[in-house]
Amino acid sequence: MKNANEVTYAVDFDGDPKALTYTFGGTDAVAEVGVPARLSTSTLDAFAGRLNEVGTLPSNAEMEGYLNPQTGPFFIPQAHPGDSLAVHFTSIEPRFDFGISALIPFFGSLTSTPLTASLQDPLQENVWRYSIDRDRRTVGFVANDSDHVYALPLDPMHGTVGVAPPKGEVHSSLTLGSWGGNMDTPELRKGATCYLGVNVEGAMFSFGDGHARQGEGETCGTAVEAAMNSTVALDVVSGVYTPWPRIETDEFIMASGSARPLEDAFRIAHSDMVAWVAEITGMSQMDSYQFVSQTALTPVANVVDTVYTVICKVPKTLLKGCYPYGGAHERLKKL
């Protein structure tokens, strides 16, 4: 691969949060990035820095309409509709020494929500502040109602990764779909390559929503939300369209599906994996269906967003000699 362009984009952490990007689609690019490229930048936390103390509740932090700020979008001149954008996470590191998680009224998987309505009162608002020790690679949980303290493994990832949606649509950065968006899967950590189908000229790539760690399912609705300093390697796979976001690591290929009910997200992820296995192996659809049925792992990414996300994983050791997207993952690692 030819030498990569080195691009640095600075984010104003002291500026007006309302000036940031909160959608996929519908906004102008903040910069142009010619690929292959290494893009070094930062992302604010999901609360845009307005929720950083235990005593500050979400309802008092003036966050209505301004959640999940995105860094971007970036215009990639080599990306055209019908291509795929490959995004390899080279580095994801917390910018500060703390992260925040919260209970937000009528948000989360174990409470009533506007889409799952009942006569239940909202759960009481609450905020947890986690210490982040980058040297020890730990995230410190401190209970609010007792003296319990636990050191959890630091596992940084990005909850939102995406491009402009198809058909000129504009979606909130709290939502997710075929364009990516707020997938909230812990699989999008350092070393992962995400493949996104390009729908508009230039792709208009954005990402954000850093998590110092997140359990599968993101049960309460928020992870350990944290600002990040991140570097991604970018390239375009020409003439190959990715229908739903896919992920590749050294160990797995993964297909994602996002929908409600949860079983439809499962069906999308597994159906796309069947198609992907058939594509890279040359097997028939039915043989690929049988293969995926006997090999897949299926972690749940989230059951809290506007629609839910399920991941279908197949070990690459079972697919020796197969190189998805022409070996894009290996090429981007070398950047």
C-alpha atoms as a PDB file:
ATOM      1  CA  MET A   1       0.000   0.000   0.000  1.00  0.00           C
ATOM      2  CA  LYS A   2       1.245   3.496  -0.799  1.00  0.00           C
ATOM      3  CA  ASN A   3       2.142   5.831   2.048  1.00  0.00           C
ATOM      4  CA  ALA A   4      -0.806   7.149   3.992  1.00  0.00           C
ATOM      5  CA  ASN A   5      -1.773  10.785   4.317  1.00  0.00           C
ATOM      6  CA  GLU A   6      -1.298  11.991   7.893  1.00  0.00           C
ATOM      7  CA  VAL A   7      -4.275  14.121   8.913  1.00  0.00           C
ATOM      8  CA  THR A   8      -4.841  15.787  12.283  1.00  0.00           C
ATOM      9  CA  TYR A   9      -8.175  17.396  13.129  1.00  0.00           C
ATOM     10  CA  ALA A  10      -8.445  19.390  16.367  1.00  0.00           C
ATOM     11  CA  VAL A  11     -11.714  19.474  18.320  1.00  0.00           C
ATOM     12  CA  ASP A  12     -12.595  22.540  20.404  1.00  0.00           C
ATOM     13  CA  PHE A  13     -13.382  21.141  23.848  1.00  0.00           C
ATOM     14  CA  ASP A  14     -14.091  24.627  25.234  1.00  0.00           C
ATOM     15  CA  GLY A  15     -16.471  25.744  22.496  1.00  0.00           C
ATOM     16  CA  ASP A  16     -20.263  25.836  22.413  1.00  0.00           C
ATOM     17  CA  PRO A  17     -21.569  22.237  22.424  1.00  0.00           C
ATOM     18  CA  LYS A  18     -24.488  23.373  20.257  1.00  0.00           C
ATOM     19  CA  ALA A  19     -22.028  24.065  17.441  1.00  0.00           C
ATOM     20  CA  LEU A  20     -21.072  20.395  17.208  1.00  0.00           C
ATOM     21  CA  THR A  21     -22.524  17.757  14.862  1.00  0.00           C
ATOM     22  CA  TYR A  22     -25.420  15.678  16.181  1.00  0.00           C
ATOM     23  CA  THR A  23     -26.610  13.941  13.019  1.00  0.00           C
ATOM     24  CA  PHE A  24     -25.524  11.537  10.298  1.00  0.00           C
ATOM     25  CA  GLY A  25     -26.282  13.342   7.049  1.00  0.00           C
ATOM     26  CA  GLY A  26     -27.469  16.883   6.571  1.00  0.00           C
ATOM     27  CA  THR A  27     -24.292  18.744   7.549  1.00  0.00           C
ATOM     28  CA  ASP A  28     -21.266  20.056   5.699  1.00  0.00           C
ATOM     29  CA  ALA A  29     -17.882  18.369   5.983  1.00  0.00           C
ATOM     30  CA  VAL A  30     -15.447  19.744   8.543  1.00  0.00           C
ATOM     31  CA  ALA A  31     -12.419  18.562   6.551  1.00  0.00           C
ATOM     32  CA  GLU A  32     -11.351  16.578   3.499  1.00  0.00           C
ATOM     33  CA  VAL A  33      -9.329  13.397   3.947  1.00  0.00           C
ATOM     34  CA  GLY A  34      -7.706  11.724   0.941  1.00  0.00           C
ATOM     35  CA  VAL A  35      -7.173   7.999   1.454  1.00  0.00           C
ATOM     36  CA  PRO A  36      -5.322   5.928   2.395  1.00  0.00           C
ATOM     37  CA  ALA A  37      -4.971   8.076   5.482  1.00  0.00           C
ATOM     38  CA  ARG A  38      -4.259   8.090   9.187  1.00  0.00           C
ATOM     39  CA  LEU A  39      -6.654  10.490  10.881  1.00  0.00           C
ATOM     40  CA  SER A  40      -5.789  11.595  14.424  1.00  0.00           C
ATOM     41  CA  THR A  41      -8.495  13.491  16.279  1.00  0.00           C
ATOM     42  CA  SER A  42     -10.594  13.611  19.445  1.00  0.00           C
ATOM     43  CA  THR A  43     -14.211  13.080  20.415  1.00  0.00           C
ATOM     44  CA  LEU A  44     -16.270  14.550  23.227  1.00  0.00           C
ATOM     45  CA  ASP A  45     -18.238  12.261  25.528  1.00  0.00           C
ATOM     46  CA  ALA A  46     -21.921  11.578  24.862  1.00  0.00           C
ATOM     47  CA  PHE A  47     -22.926  14.410  27.216  1.00  0.00           C
ATOM     48  CA  ALA A  48     -20.606  16.908  25.473  1.00  0.00           C
ATOM     49  CA  GLY A  49     -18.819  17.526  28.772  1.00  0.00           C
ATOM     50  CA  ARG A  50     -21.898  18.906  30.523  1.00  0.00           C
ATOM     51  CA  LEU A  51     -22.359  16.001  32.919  1.00  0.00           C
ATOM     52  CA  ASN A  52     -19.184  15.448  34.908  1.00  0.00           C
ATOM     53  CA  GLU A  53     -20.087  15.391  38.609  1.00  0.00           C
ATOM     54  CA  VAL A  54     -22.205  13.024  40.685  1.00  0.00           C
ATOM     55  CA  GLY A  55     -24.297  15.941  41.960  1.00  0.00           C
ATOM     56  CA  THR A  56     -25.300  17.113  38.461  1.00  0.00           C
ATOM     57  CA  LEU A  57     -28.354  15.285  37.159  1.00  0.00           C
ATOM     58  CA  PRO A  58     -29.126  14.834  33.454  1.00  0.00           C
ATOM     59  CA  SER A  59     -32.340  16.877  33.754  1.00  0.00           C
ATOM     60  CA  ASN A  60     -30.332  19.872  35.036  1.00  0.00           C
ATOM     61  CA  ALA A  61     -27.492  19.722  32.500  1.00  0.00           C
ATOM     62  CA  GLU A  62     -29.281  21.423  29.557  1.00  0.00           C
ATOM     63  CA  MET A  63     -28.662  18.453  27.271  1.00  0.00           C
ATOM     64  CA  GLU A  64     -32.034  18.247  25.517  1.00  0.00           C
ATOM     65  CA  GLY A  65     -31.361  17.694  21.825  1.00  0.00           C
ATOM     66  CA  TYR A  66     -27.582  17.787  22.264  1.00  0.00           C
ATOM     67  CA  LEU A  67     -26.406  14.256  22.969  1.00  0.00           C
ATOM     68  CA  ASN A  68     -23.792  12.126  21.191  1.00  0.00           C
ATOM     69  CA  PRO A  69     -21.722  14.853  19.503  1.00  0.00           C
ATOM     70  CA  GLN A  70     -19.818  13.545  16.495  1.00  0.00           C
ATOM     71  CA  THR A  71     -16.385  14.431  15.207  1.00  0.00           C
ATOM     72  CA  GLY A  72     -16.837  15.033  11.500  1.00  0.00           C
ATOM     73  CA  PRO A  73     -18.192  14.560   8.967  1.00  0.00           C
ATOM     74  CA  PHE A  74     -15.065  14.041   6.880  1.00  0.00           C
ATOM     75  CA  PHE A  75     -15.318  14.179   3.090  1.00  0.00           C
ATOM     76  CA  ILE A  76     -13.330  11.402   1.402  1.00  0.00           C
ATOM     77  CA  PRO A  77     -12.941  12.277  -2.309  1.00  0.00           C
ATOM     78  CA  GLN A  78     -12.192   8.679  -3.370  1.00  0.00           C
ATOM     79  CA  ALA A  79     -15.468   7.381  -1.864  1.00  0.00           C
ATOM     80  CA  HIS A  80     -18.422   7.052  -4.232  1.00  0.00           C
ATOM     81  CA  PRO A  81     -21.887   5.507  -3.831  1.00  0.00           C
ATOM     82  CA  GLY A  82     -21.582   1.735  -4.133  1.00  0.00           C
ATOM     83  CA  ASP A  83     -18.132   1.608  -2.516  1.00  0.00           C
ATOM     84  CA  SER A  84     -17.279   0.637   1.063  1.00  0.00           C
ATOM     85  CA  LEU A  85     -15.345   2.723   3.551  1.00  0.00           C
ATOM     86  CA  ALA A  86     -12.908   0.746   5.703  1.00  0.00           C
ATOM     87  CA  VAL A  87     -12.202   2.281   9.135  1.00  0.00           C
ATOM     88  CA  HIS A  88      -9.459   0.690  11.228  1.00  0.00           C
ATOM     89  CA  PHE A  89      -9.142   1.784  14.868  1.00  0.00           C
ATOM     90  CA  THR A  90      -5.437   2.194  15.463  1.00  0.00           C
ATOM     91  CA  SER A  91      -5.728   3.837  18.869  1.00  0.00           C
ATOM     92  CA  ILE A  92      -8.542   4.768  21.269  1.00  0.00           C
ATOM     93  CA  GLU A  93      -7.430   6.366  24.542  1.00  0.00           C
ATOM     94  CA  PRO A  94      -9.423   8.293  27.173  1.00  0.00           C
ATOM     95  CA  ARG A  95      -8.603  11.996  27.016  1.00  0.00           C
ATOM     96  CA  PHE A  96      -9.310  12.643  30.700  1.00  0.00           C
ATOM     97  CA  ASP A  97      -9.018  10.646  33.919  1.00  0.00           C
ATOM     98  CA  PHE A  98     -12.741  10.102  34.438  1.00  0.00           C
ATOM     99  CA  GLY A  99     -15.876   8.820  32.777  1.00  0.00           C
ATOM    100  CA  ILE A 100     -19.577   9.255  33.565  1.00  0.00           C
ATOM    101  CA  SER A 101     -22.551   6.909  33.553  1.00  0.00           C
ATOM    102  CA  ALA A 102     -26.115   7.884  34.388  1.00  0.00           C
ATOM    103  CA  LEU A 103     -29.707   6.792  34.792  1.00  0.00           C
ATOM    104  CA  ILE A 104     -31.871   8.935  32.524  1.00  0.00           C
ATOM    105  CA  PRO A 105     -35.685   8.984  32.911  1.00  0.00           C
ATOM    106  CA  PHE A 106     -37.454   6.475  30.673  1.00  0.00           C
ATOM    107  CA  PHE A 107     -34.212   5.343  29.057  1.00  0.00           C
ATOM    108  CA  GLY A 108     -32.603   1.921  29.430  1.00  0.00           C
ATOM    109  CA  SER A 109     -33.629  -1.687  29.000  1.00  0.00           C
ATOM    110  CA  LEU A 110     -35.090  -2.276  32.485  1.00  0.00           C
ATOM    111  CA  THR A 111     -37.522   0.634  32.604  1.00  0.00           C
ATOM    112  CA  SER A 112     -40.504   1.900  30.659  1.00  0.00           C
ATOM    113  CA  THR A 113     -39.595   3.903  27.564  1.00  0.00           C
ATOM    114  CA  PRO A 114     -41.587   5.992  25.063  1.00  0.00           C
ATOM    115  CA  LEU A 115     -41.527   2.967  22.721  1.00  0.00           C
ATOM    116  CA  THR A 116     -42.353   0.464  25.486  1.00  0.00           C
ATOM    117  CA  ALA A 117     -44.879   2.476  27.406  1.00  0.00           C
ATOM    118  CA  SER A 118     -46.453   1.588  30.750  1.00  0.00           C
ATOM    119  CA  LEU A 119     -47.784   3.345  33.830  1.00  0.00           C
ATOM    120  CA  GLN A 120     -44.460   2.868  35.611  1.00  0.00           C
ATOM    121  CA  ASP A 121     -42.858   5.958  37.132  1.00  0.00           C
ATOM    122  CA  PRO A 122     -39.367   6.756  35.807  1.00  0.00           C
ATOM    123  CA  LEU A 123     -36.427   5.318  37.704  1.00  0.00           C
ATOM    124  CA  GLN A 124     -34.717   7.914  39.883  1.00  0.00           C
ATOM    125  CA  GLU A 125     -32.047   9.904  38.063  1.00  0.00           C
ATOM    126  CA  ASN A 126     -28.533   9.103  39.193  1.00  0.00           C
ATOM    127  CA  VAL A 127     -24.942   9.684  38.107  1.00  0.00           C
ATOM    128  CA  TRP A 128     -21.810   7.583  38.674  1.00  0.00           C
ATOM    129  CA  ARG A 129     -18.343   9.039  38.181  1.00  0.00           C
ATOM    130  CA  TYR A 130     -15.632   6.500  37.256  1.00  0.00           C
ATOM    131  CA  SER A 131     -11.928   7.152  37.689  1.00  0.00           C
ATOM    132  CA  ILE A 132      -9.767   6.116  34.724  1.00  0.00           C
ATOM    133  CA  ASP A 133      -6.196   4.928  35.335  1.00  0.00           C
ATOM    134  CA  ARG A 134      -4.498   4.723  31.949  1.00  0.00           C
ATOM    135  CA  ASP A 135      -1.293   3.274  33.413  1.00  0.00           C
ATOM    136  CA  ARG A 136      -3.010   0.435  35.269  1.00  0.00           C
ATOM    137  CA  ARG A 137      -5.640   0.086  32.522  1.00  0.00           C
ATOM    138  CA  THR A 138      -8.505   0.199  34.979  1.00  0.00           C
ATOM    139  CA  VAL A 139     -11.849   1.936  35.375  1.00  0.00           C
ATOM    140  CA  GLY A 140     -12.811   2.568  38.995  1.00  0.00           C
ATOM    141  CA  PHE A 141     -16.423   1.881  39.990  1.00  0.00           C
ATOM    142  CA  VAL A 142     -17.552   3.525  43.243  1.00  0.00           C
ATOM    143  CA  ALA A 143     -21.030   2.647  44.499  1.00  0.00           C
ATOM    144  CA  ASN A 144     -23.258   5.599  45.356  1.00  0.00           C
ATOM    145  CA  ASP A 145     -25.242   3.872  48.124  1.00  0.00           C
ATOM    146  CA  SER A 146     -22.516   1.895  49.892  1.00  0.00           C
ATOM    147  CA  ASP A 147     -18.749   1.739  50.327  1.00  0.00           C
ATOM    148  CA  HIS A 148     -18.184  -0.812  47.540  1.00  0.00           C
ATOM    149  CA  VAL A 149     -15.309  -0.062  45.145  1.00  0.00           C
ATOM    150  CA  TYR A 150     -14.230  -2.195  42.174  1.00  0.00           C
ATOM    151  CA  ALA A 151     -11.454  -1.910  39.587  1.00  0.00           C
ATOM    152  CA  LEU A 152     -12.823  -2.875  36.162  1.00  0.00           C
ATOM    153  CA  PRO A 153     -10.687  -3.441  33.050  1.00  0.00           C
ATOM    154  CA  LEU A 154     -10.265  -0.399  30.819  1.00  0.00           C
ATOM    155  CA  ASP A 155     -11.652  -1.339  27.380  1.00  0.00           C
ATOM    156  CA  PRO A 156     -12.061   1.818  25.221  1.00  0.00           C
ATOM    157  CA  MET A 157     -14.371   1.742  22.205  1.00  0.00           C
ATOM    158  CA  HIS A 158     -16.525   4.026  20.089  1.00  0.00           C
ATOM    159  CA  GLY A 159     -20.294   3.710  20.269  1.00  0.00           C
ATOM    160  CA  THR A 160     -20.975   5.689  17.091  1.00  0.00           C
ATOM    161  CA  VAL A 161     -19.295   5.100  13.731  1.00  0.00           C
ATOM    162  CA  GLY A 162     -21.042   5.905  10.493  1.00  0.00           C
ATOM    163  CA  VAL A 163     -21.484   7.611   7.136  1.00  0.00           C
ATOM    164  CA  ALA A 164     -24.283   9.680   5.623  1.00  0.00           C
ATOM    165  CA  PRO A 165     -27.459   7.576   5.249  1.00  0.00           C
ATOM    166  CA  PRO A 166     -28.971   6.687   1.847  1.00  0.00           C
ATOM    167  CA  LYS A 167     -31.708   8.605  -0.011  1.00  0.00           C
ATOM    168  CA  GLY A 168     -30.683  11.974   1.410  1.00  0.00           C
ATOM    169  CA  GLU A 169     -31.950  11.022   4.861  1.00  0.00           C
ATOM    170  CA  VAL A 170     -30.769  12.762   8.015  1.00  0.00           C
ATOM    171  CA  HIS A 171     -30.712  10.829  11.292  1.00  0.00           C
ATOM    172  CA  SER A 172     -29.913  11.823  14.855  1.00  0.00           C
ATOM    173  CA  SER A 173     -26.591  10.542  16.176  1.00  0.00           C
ATOM    174  CA  LEU A 174     -28.651   8.717  18.813  1.00  0.00           C
ATOM    175  CA  THR A 175     -30.060   6.441  16.102  1.00  0.00           C
ATOM    176  CA  LEU A 176     -28.571   3.617  14.050  1.00  0.00           C
ATOM    177  CA  GLY A 177     -29.207   1.705  10.886  1.00  0.00           C
ATOM    178  CA  SER A 178     -27.610   0.486   7.671  1.00  0.00           C
ATOM    179  CA  TRP A 179     -25.330   3.562   7.637  1.00  0.00           C
ATOM    180  CA  GLY A 180     -23.895   2.705  11.076  1.00  0.00           C
ATOM    181  CA  GLY A 181     -24.536   5.329  13.723  1.00  0.00           C
ATOM    182  CA  ASN A 182     -25.128   4.613  17.392  1.00  0.00           C
ATOM    183  CA  MET A 183     -24.428   0.860  17.278  1.00  0.00           C
ATOM    184  CA  ASP A 184     -22.969   0.756  20.814  1.00  0.00           C
ATOM    185  CA  THR A 185     -21.090  -2.502  20.363  1.00  0.00           C
ATOM    186  CA  PRO A 186     -17.960  -3.128  22.459  1.00  0.00           C
ATOM    187  CA  GLU A 187     -16.499  -4.837  19.387  1.00  0.00           C
ATOM    188  CA  LEU A 188     -15.545  -1.402  17.972  1.00  0.00           C
ATOM    189  CA  ARG A 189     -12.337  -1.225  19.988  1.00  0.00           C
ATOM    190  CA  LYS A 190      -8.664  -0.805  19.074  1.00  0.00           C
ATOM    191  CA  GLY A 191      -7.637  -3.273  16.368  1.00  0.00           C
ATOM    192  CA  ALA A 192     -11.077  -3.546  14.766  1.00  0.00           C
ATOM    193  CA  THR A 193     -11.850  -2.612  11.166  1.00  0.00           C
ATOM    194  CA  CYS A 194     -15.384  -1.429  10.418  1.00  0.00           C
ATOM    195  CA  TYR A 195     -16.792  -1.599   6.889  1.00  0.00           C
ATOM    196  CA  LEU A 196     -19.532   0.873   5.923  1.00  0.00           C
ATOM    197  CA  GLY A 197     -21.437   1.104   2.647  1.00  0.00           C
ATOM    198  CA  VAL A 198     -20.979   4.488   0.943  1.00  0.00           C
ATOM    199  CA  ASN A 199     -24.281   6.190   0.055  1.00  0.00           C
ATOM    200  CA  VAL A 200     -23.240   9.706  -1.007  1.00  0.00           C
ATOM    201  CA  GLU A 201     -20.234  11.281  -2.669  1.00  0.00           C
ATOM    202  CA  GLY A 202     -17.399  11.535  -0.178  1.00  0.00           C
ATOM    203  CA  ALA A 203     -19.033   9.092   2.312  1.00  0.00           C
ATOM    204  CA  MET A 204     -19.247  11.861   4.988  1.00  0.00           C
ATOM    205  CA  PHE A 205     -17.682   9.790   7.767  1.00  0.00           C
ATOM    206  CA  SER A 206     -18.215  10.675  11.451  1.00  0.00           C
ATOM    207  CA  PHE A 207     -17.587   8.988  14.782  1.00  0.00           C
ATOM    208  CA  GLY A 208     -17.807   9.649  18.520  1.00  0.00           C
ATOM    209  CA  ASP A 209     -19.543   8.423  21.691  1.00  0.00           C
ATOM    210  CA  GLY A 210     -16.407   7.081  23.364  1.00  0.00           C
ATOM    211  CA  HIS A 211     -16.834   4.499  26.125  1.00  0.00           C
ATOM    212  CA  ALA A 212     -14.078   3.658  28.595  1.00  0.00           C
ATOM    213  CA  ARG A 213     -15.875   0.351  28.858  1.00  0.00           C
ATOM    214  CA  GLN A 214     -19.359  -1.028  28.214  1.00  0.00           C
ATOM    215  CA  GLY A 215     -21.070  -4.278  29.027  1.00  0.00           C
ATOM    216  CA  GLU A 216     -22.822  -6.117  26.205  1.00  0.00           C
ATOM    217  CA  GLY A 217     -26.372  -4.785  26.008  1.00  0.00           C
ATOM    218  CA  GLU A 218     -25.556  -1.384  27.610  1.00  0.00           C
ATOM    219  CA  THR A 219     -28.374  -2.277  29.991  1.00  0.00           C
ATOM    220  CA  CYS A 220     -28.925   1.011  31.839  1.00  0.00           C
ATOM    221  CA  GLY A 221     -28.628   3.020  28.615  1.00  0.00           C
ATOM    222  CA  THR A 222     -25.221   4.596  29.231  1.00  0.00           C
ATOM    223  CA  ALA A 223     -21.716   3.138  29.301  1.00  0.00           C
ATOM    224  CA  VAL A 224     -18.718   4.741  31.033  1.00  0.00           C
ATOM    225  CA  GLU A 225     -19.005   7.753  28.735  1.00  0.00           C
ATOM    226  CA  ALA A 226     -15.652   9.409  28.107  1.00  0.00           C
ATOM    227  CA  ALA A 227     -13.903  11.832  25.779  1.00  0.00           C
ATOM    228  CA  MET A 228     -11.330  10.095  23.578  1.00  0.00           C
ATOM    229  CA  ASN A 229      -8.150  10.771  21.654  1.00  0.00           C
ATOM    230  CA  SER A 230      -8.331   8.402  18.688  1.00  0.00           C
ATOM    231  CA  THR A 231      -6.486   7.535  15.507  1.00  0.00           C
ATOM    232  CA  VAL A 232      -8.170   5.711  12.641  1.00  0.00           C
ATOM    233  CA  ALA A 233      -6.740   4.405   9.375  1.00  0.00           C
ATOM    234  CA  LEU A 234      -9.084   4.966   6.435  1.00  0.00           C
ATOM    235  CA  ASP A 235      -9.333   3.521   2.943  1.00  0.00           C
ATOM    236  CA  VAL A 236     -11.967   2.847   0.292  1.00  0.00           C
ATOM    237  CA  VAL A 237     -12.838  -0.559  -1.189  1.00  0.00           C
ATOM    238  CA  SER A 238     -14.072   0.399  -4.649  1.00  0.00           C
ATOM    239  CA  GLY A 239     -17.075  -1.255  -6.255  1.00  0.00           C
ATOM    240  CA  VAL A 240     -18.018  -3.305  -3.183  1.00  0.00           C
ATOM    241  CA  TYR A 241     -21.061  -2.162  -1.193  1.00  0.00           C
ATOM    242  CA  THR A 242     -21.620  -3.170   2.436  1.00  0.00           C
ATOM    243  CA  PRO A 243     -25.371  -3.449   3.159  1.00  0.00           C
ATOM    244  CA  TRP A 244     -25.036  -3.331   6.968  1.00  0.00           C
ATOM    245  CA  PRO A 245     -21.987  -2.403   9.041  1.00  0.00           C
ATOM    246  CA  ARG A 246     -19.457  -5.224   9.254  1.00  0.00           C
ATOM    247  CA  ILE A 247     -16.461  -5.582  11.559  1.00  0.00           C
ATOM    248  CA  GLU A 248     -13.234  -7.527  11.194  1.00  0.00           C
ATOM    249  CA  THR A 249     -10.591  -8.209  13.828  1.00  0.00           C
ATOM    250  CA  ASP A 250      -7.626 -10.568  13.899  1.00  0.00           C
ATOM    251  CA  GLU A 251      -9.903 -13.238  15.380  1.00  0.00           C
ATOM    252  CA  PHE A 252     -13.390 -12.725  13.901  1.00  0.00           C
ATOM    253  CA  ILE A 253     -15.509 -11.436  11.078  1.00  0.00           C
ATOM    254  CA  MET A 254     -18.723  -9.873  12.359  1.00  0.00           C
ATOM    255  CA  ALA A 255     -22.001  -8.766  10.827  1.00  0.00           C
ATOM    256  CA  SER A 256     -24.397  -6.402  12.561  1.00  0.00           C
ATOM    257  CA  GLY A 257     -28.150  -5.983  12.485  1.00  0.00           C
ATOM    258  CA  SER A 258     -30.234  -3.200  13.990  1.00  0.00           C
ATOM    259  CA  ALA A 259     -34.009  -3.352  14.425  1.00  0.00           C
ATOM    260  CA  ARG A 260     -36.890  -3.799  16.834  1.00  0.00           C
ATOM    261  CA  PRO A 261     -37.921  -6.367  17.934  1.00  0.00           C
ATOM    262  CA  LEU A 262     -34.613  -7.884  18.975  1.00  0.00           C
ATOM    263  CA  GLU A 263     -35.158 -11.055  16.954  1.00  0.00           C
ATOM    264  CA  ASP A 264     -35.265  -8.994  13.752  1.00  0.00           C
ATOM    265  CA  ALA A 265     -31.843  -7.529  14.604  1.00  0.00           C
ATOM    266  CA  PHE A 266     -30.685 -11.134  15.065  1.00  0.00           C
ATOM    267  CA  ARG A 267     -32.114 -12.084  11.674  1.00  0.00           C
ATOM    268  CA  ILE A 268     -30.442  -9.169   9.875  1.00  0.00           C
ATOM    269  CA  ALA A 269     -27.028  -9.932  11.414  1.00  0.00           C
ATOM    270  CA  HIS A 270     -27.194 -13.661  10.673  1.00  0.00           C
ATOM    271  CA  SER A 271     -28.630 -13.188   7.186  1.00  0.00           C
ATOM    272  CA  ASP A 272     -25.826 -10.783   6.304  1.00  0.00           C
ATOM    273  CA  MET A 273     -23.246 -13.175   7.744  1.00  0.00           C
ATOM    274  CA  VAL A 274     -24.617 -15.996   5.568  1.00  0.00           C
ATOM    275  CA  ALA A 275     -24.239 -13.748   2.522  1.00  0.00           C
ATOM    276  CA  TRP A 276     -20.737 -12.669   3.572  1.00  0.00           C
ATOM    277  CA  VAL A 277     -19.512 -16.240   4.153  1.00  0.00           C
ATOM    278  CA  ALA A 278     -20.922 -17.277   0.767  1.00  0.00           C
ATOM    279  CA  GLU A 279     -19.141 -14.323  -0.833  1.00  0.00           C
ATOM    280  CA  ILE A 280     -15.689 -14.975   0.641  1.00  0.00           C
ATOM    281  CA  THR A 281     -15.737 -18.783   0.432  1.00  0.00           C
ATOM    282  CA  GLY A 282     -17.665 -19.414  -2.780  1.00  0.00           C
ATOM    283  CA  MET A 283     -20.102 -21.740  -0.986  1.00  0.00           C
ATOM    284  CA  SER A 284     -23.781 -21.762  -1.887  1.00  0.00           C
ATOM    285  CA  GLN A 285     -26.240 -19.797   0.208  1.00  0.00           C
ATOM    286  CA  MET A 286     -27.643 -22.927   1.850  1.00  0.00           C
ATOM    287  CA  ASP A 287     -24.193 -24.334   2.634  1.00  0.00           C
ATOM    288  CA  SER A 288     -23.231 -20.969   4.114  1.00  0.00           C
ATOM    289  CA  TYR A 289     -26.455 -20.985   6.155  1.00  0.00           C
ATOM    290  CA  GLN A 290     -25.522 -24.365   7.581  1.00  0.00           C
ATOM    291  CA  PHE A 291     -21.924 -23.232   8.268  1.00  0.00           C
ATOM    292  CA  VAL A 292     -22.996 -20.062  10.098  1.00  0.00           C
ATOM    293  CA  SER A 293     -25.584 -22.015  12.095  1.00  0.00           C
ATOM    294  CA  GLN A 294     -22.842 -24.213  13.552  1.00  0.00           C
ATOM    295  CA  THR A 295     -20.113 -21.595  14.083  1.00  0.00           C
ATOM    296  CA  ALA A 296     -21.651 -18.243  15.016  1.00  0.00           C
ATOM    297  CA  LEU A 297     -21.401 -16.386  18.301  1.00  0.00           C
ATOM    298  CA  THR A 298     -24.100 -13.772  18.892  1.00  0.00           C
ATOM    299  CA  PRO A 299     -23.406 -11.030  21.448  1.00  0.00           C
ATOM    300  CA  VAL A 300     -26.071  -8.393  21.949  1.00  0.00           C
ATOM    301  CA  ALA A 301     -24.603  -4.917  21.450  1.00  0.00           C
ATOM    302  CA  ASN A 302     -27.427  -2.820  22.902  1.00  0.00           C
ATOM    303  CA  VAL A 303     -31.082  -3.072  23.853  1.00  0.00           C
ATOM    304  CA  VAL A 304     -31.559   0.611  24.700  1.00  0.00           C
ATOM    305  CA  ASP A 305     -31.342   2.669  21.518  1.00  0.00           C
ATOM    306  CA  THR A 306     -34.144   3.580  19.120  1.00  0.00           C
ATOM    307  CA  VAL A 307     -33.562   0.152  17.608  1.00  0.00           C
ATOM    308  CA  TYR A 308     -31.450  -2.668  19.037  1.00  0.00           C
ATOM    309  CA  THR A 309     -28.204  -4.086  17.682  1.00  0.00           C
ATOM    310  CA  VAL A 310     -27.059  -7.705  17.510  1.00  0.00           C
ATOM    311  CA  ILE A 311     -23.633  -8.910  16.333  1.00  0.00           C
ATOM    312  CA  CYS A 312     -22.984 -12.213  14.554  1.00  0.00           C
ATOM    313  CA  LYS A 313     -19.355 -13.420  14.896  1.00  0.00           C
ATOM    314  CA  VAL A 314     -17.586 -16.224  13.044  1.00  0.00           C
ATOM    315  CA  PRO A 315     -13.983 -17.209  13.972  1.00  0.00           C
ATOM    316  CA  LYS A 316     -11.481 -16.540  11.194  1.00  0.00           C
ATOM    317  CA  THR A 317      -9.582 -19.719  12.103  1.00  0.00           C
ATOM    318  CA  LEU A 318     -12.469 -21.602  10.483  1.00  0.00           C
ATOM    319  CA  LEU A 319     -12.130 -19.563   7.291  1.00  0.00           C
ATOM    320  CA  LYS A 320      -8.431 -19.960   6.527  1.00  0.00           C
ATOM    321  CA  GLY A 321      -7.413 -18.672   3.128  1.00  0.00           C
ATOM    322  CA  CYS A 322     -10.310 -16.203   2.982  1.00  0.00           C
ATOM    323  CA  TYR A 323      -9.528 -12.478   2.898  1.00  0.00           C
ATOM    324  CA  PRO A 324     -12.588 -10.224   3.196  1.00  0.00           C
ATOM    325  CA  TYR A 325     -12.536  -7.020   1.167  1.00  0.00           C
ATOM    326  CA  GLY A 326      -9.319  -8.100  -0.516  1.00  0.00           C
ATOM    327  CA  GLY A 327      -7.374  -8.114   2.745  1.00  0.00           C
ATOM    328  CA  ALA A 328      -8.276  -4.540   3.720  1.00  0.00           C
ATOM    329  CA  HIS A 329      -7.962  -5.281   7.440  1.00  0.00           C
ATOM    330  CA  GLU A 330      -4.359  -6.469   7.091  1.00  0.00           C
ATOM    331  CA  ARG A 331      -3.456  -3.544   4.823  1.00  0.00           C
ATOM    332  CA  LEU A 332      -4.872  -0.985   7.224  1.00  0.00           C
ATOM    333  CA  LYS A 333      -3.057  -2.559  10.181  1.00  0.00           C
ATOM    334  CA  LYS A 334       0.216  -1.780   8.396  1.00  0.00           C
ATOM    335  CA  LEU A 335      -0.654   1.917   8.369  1.00  0.00           C
END
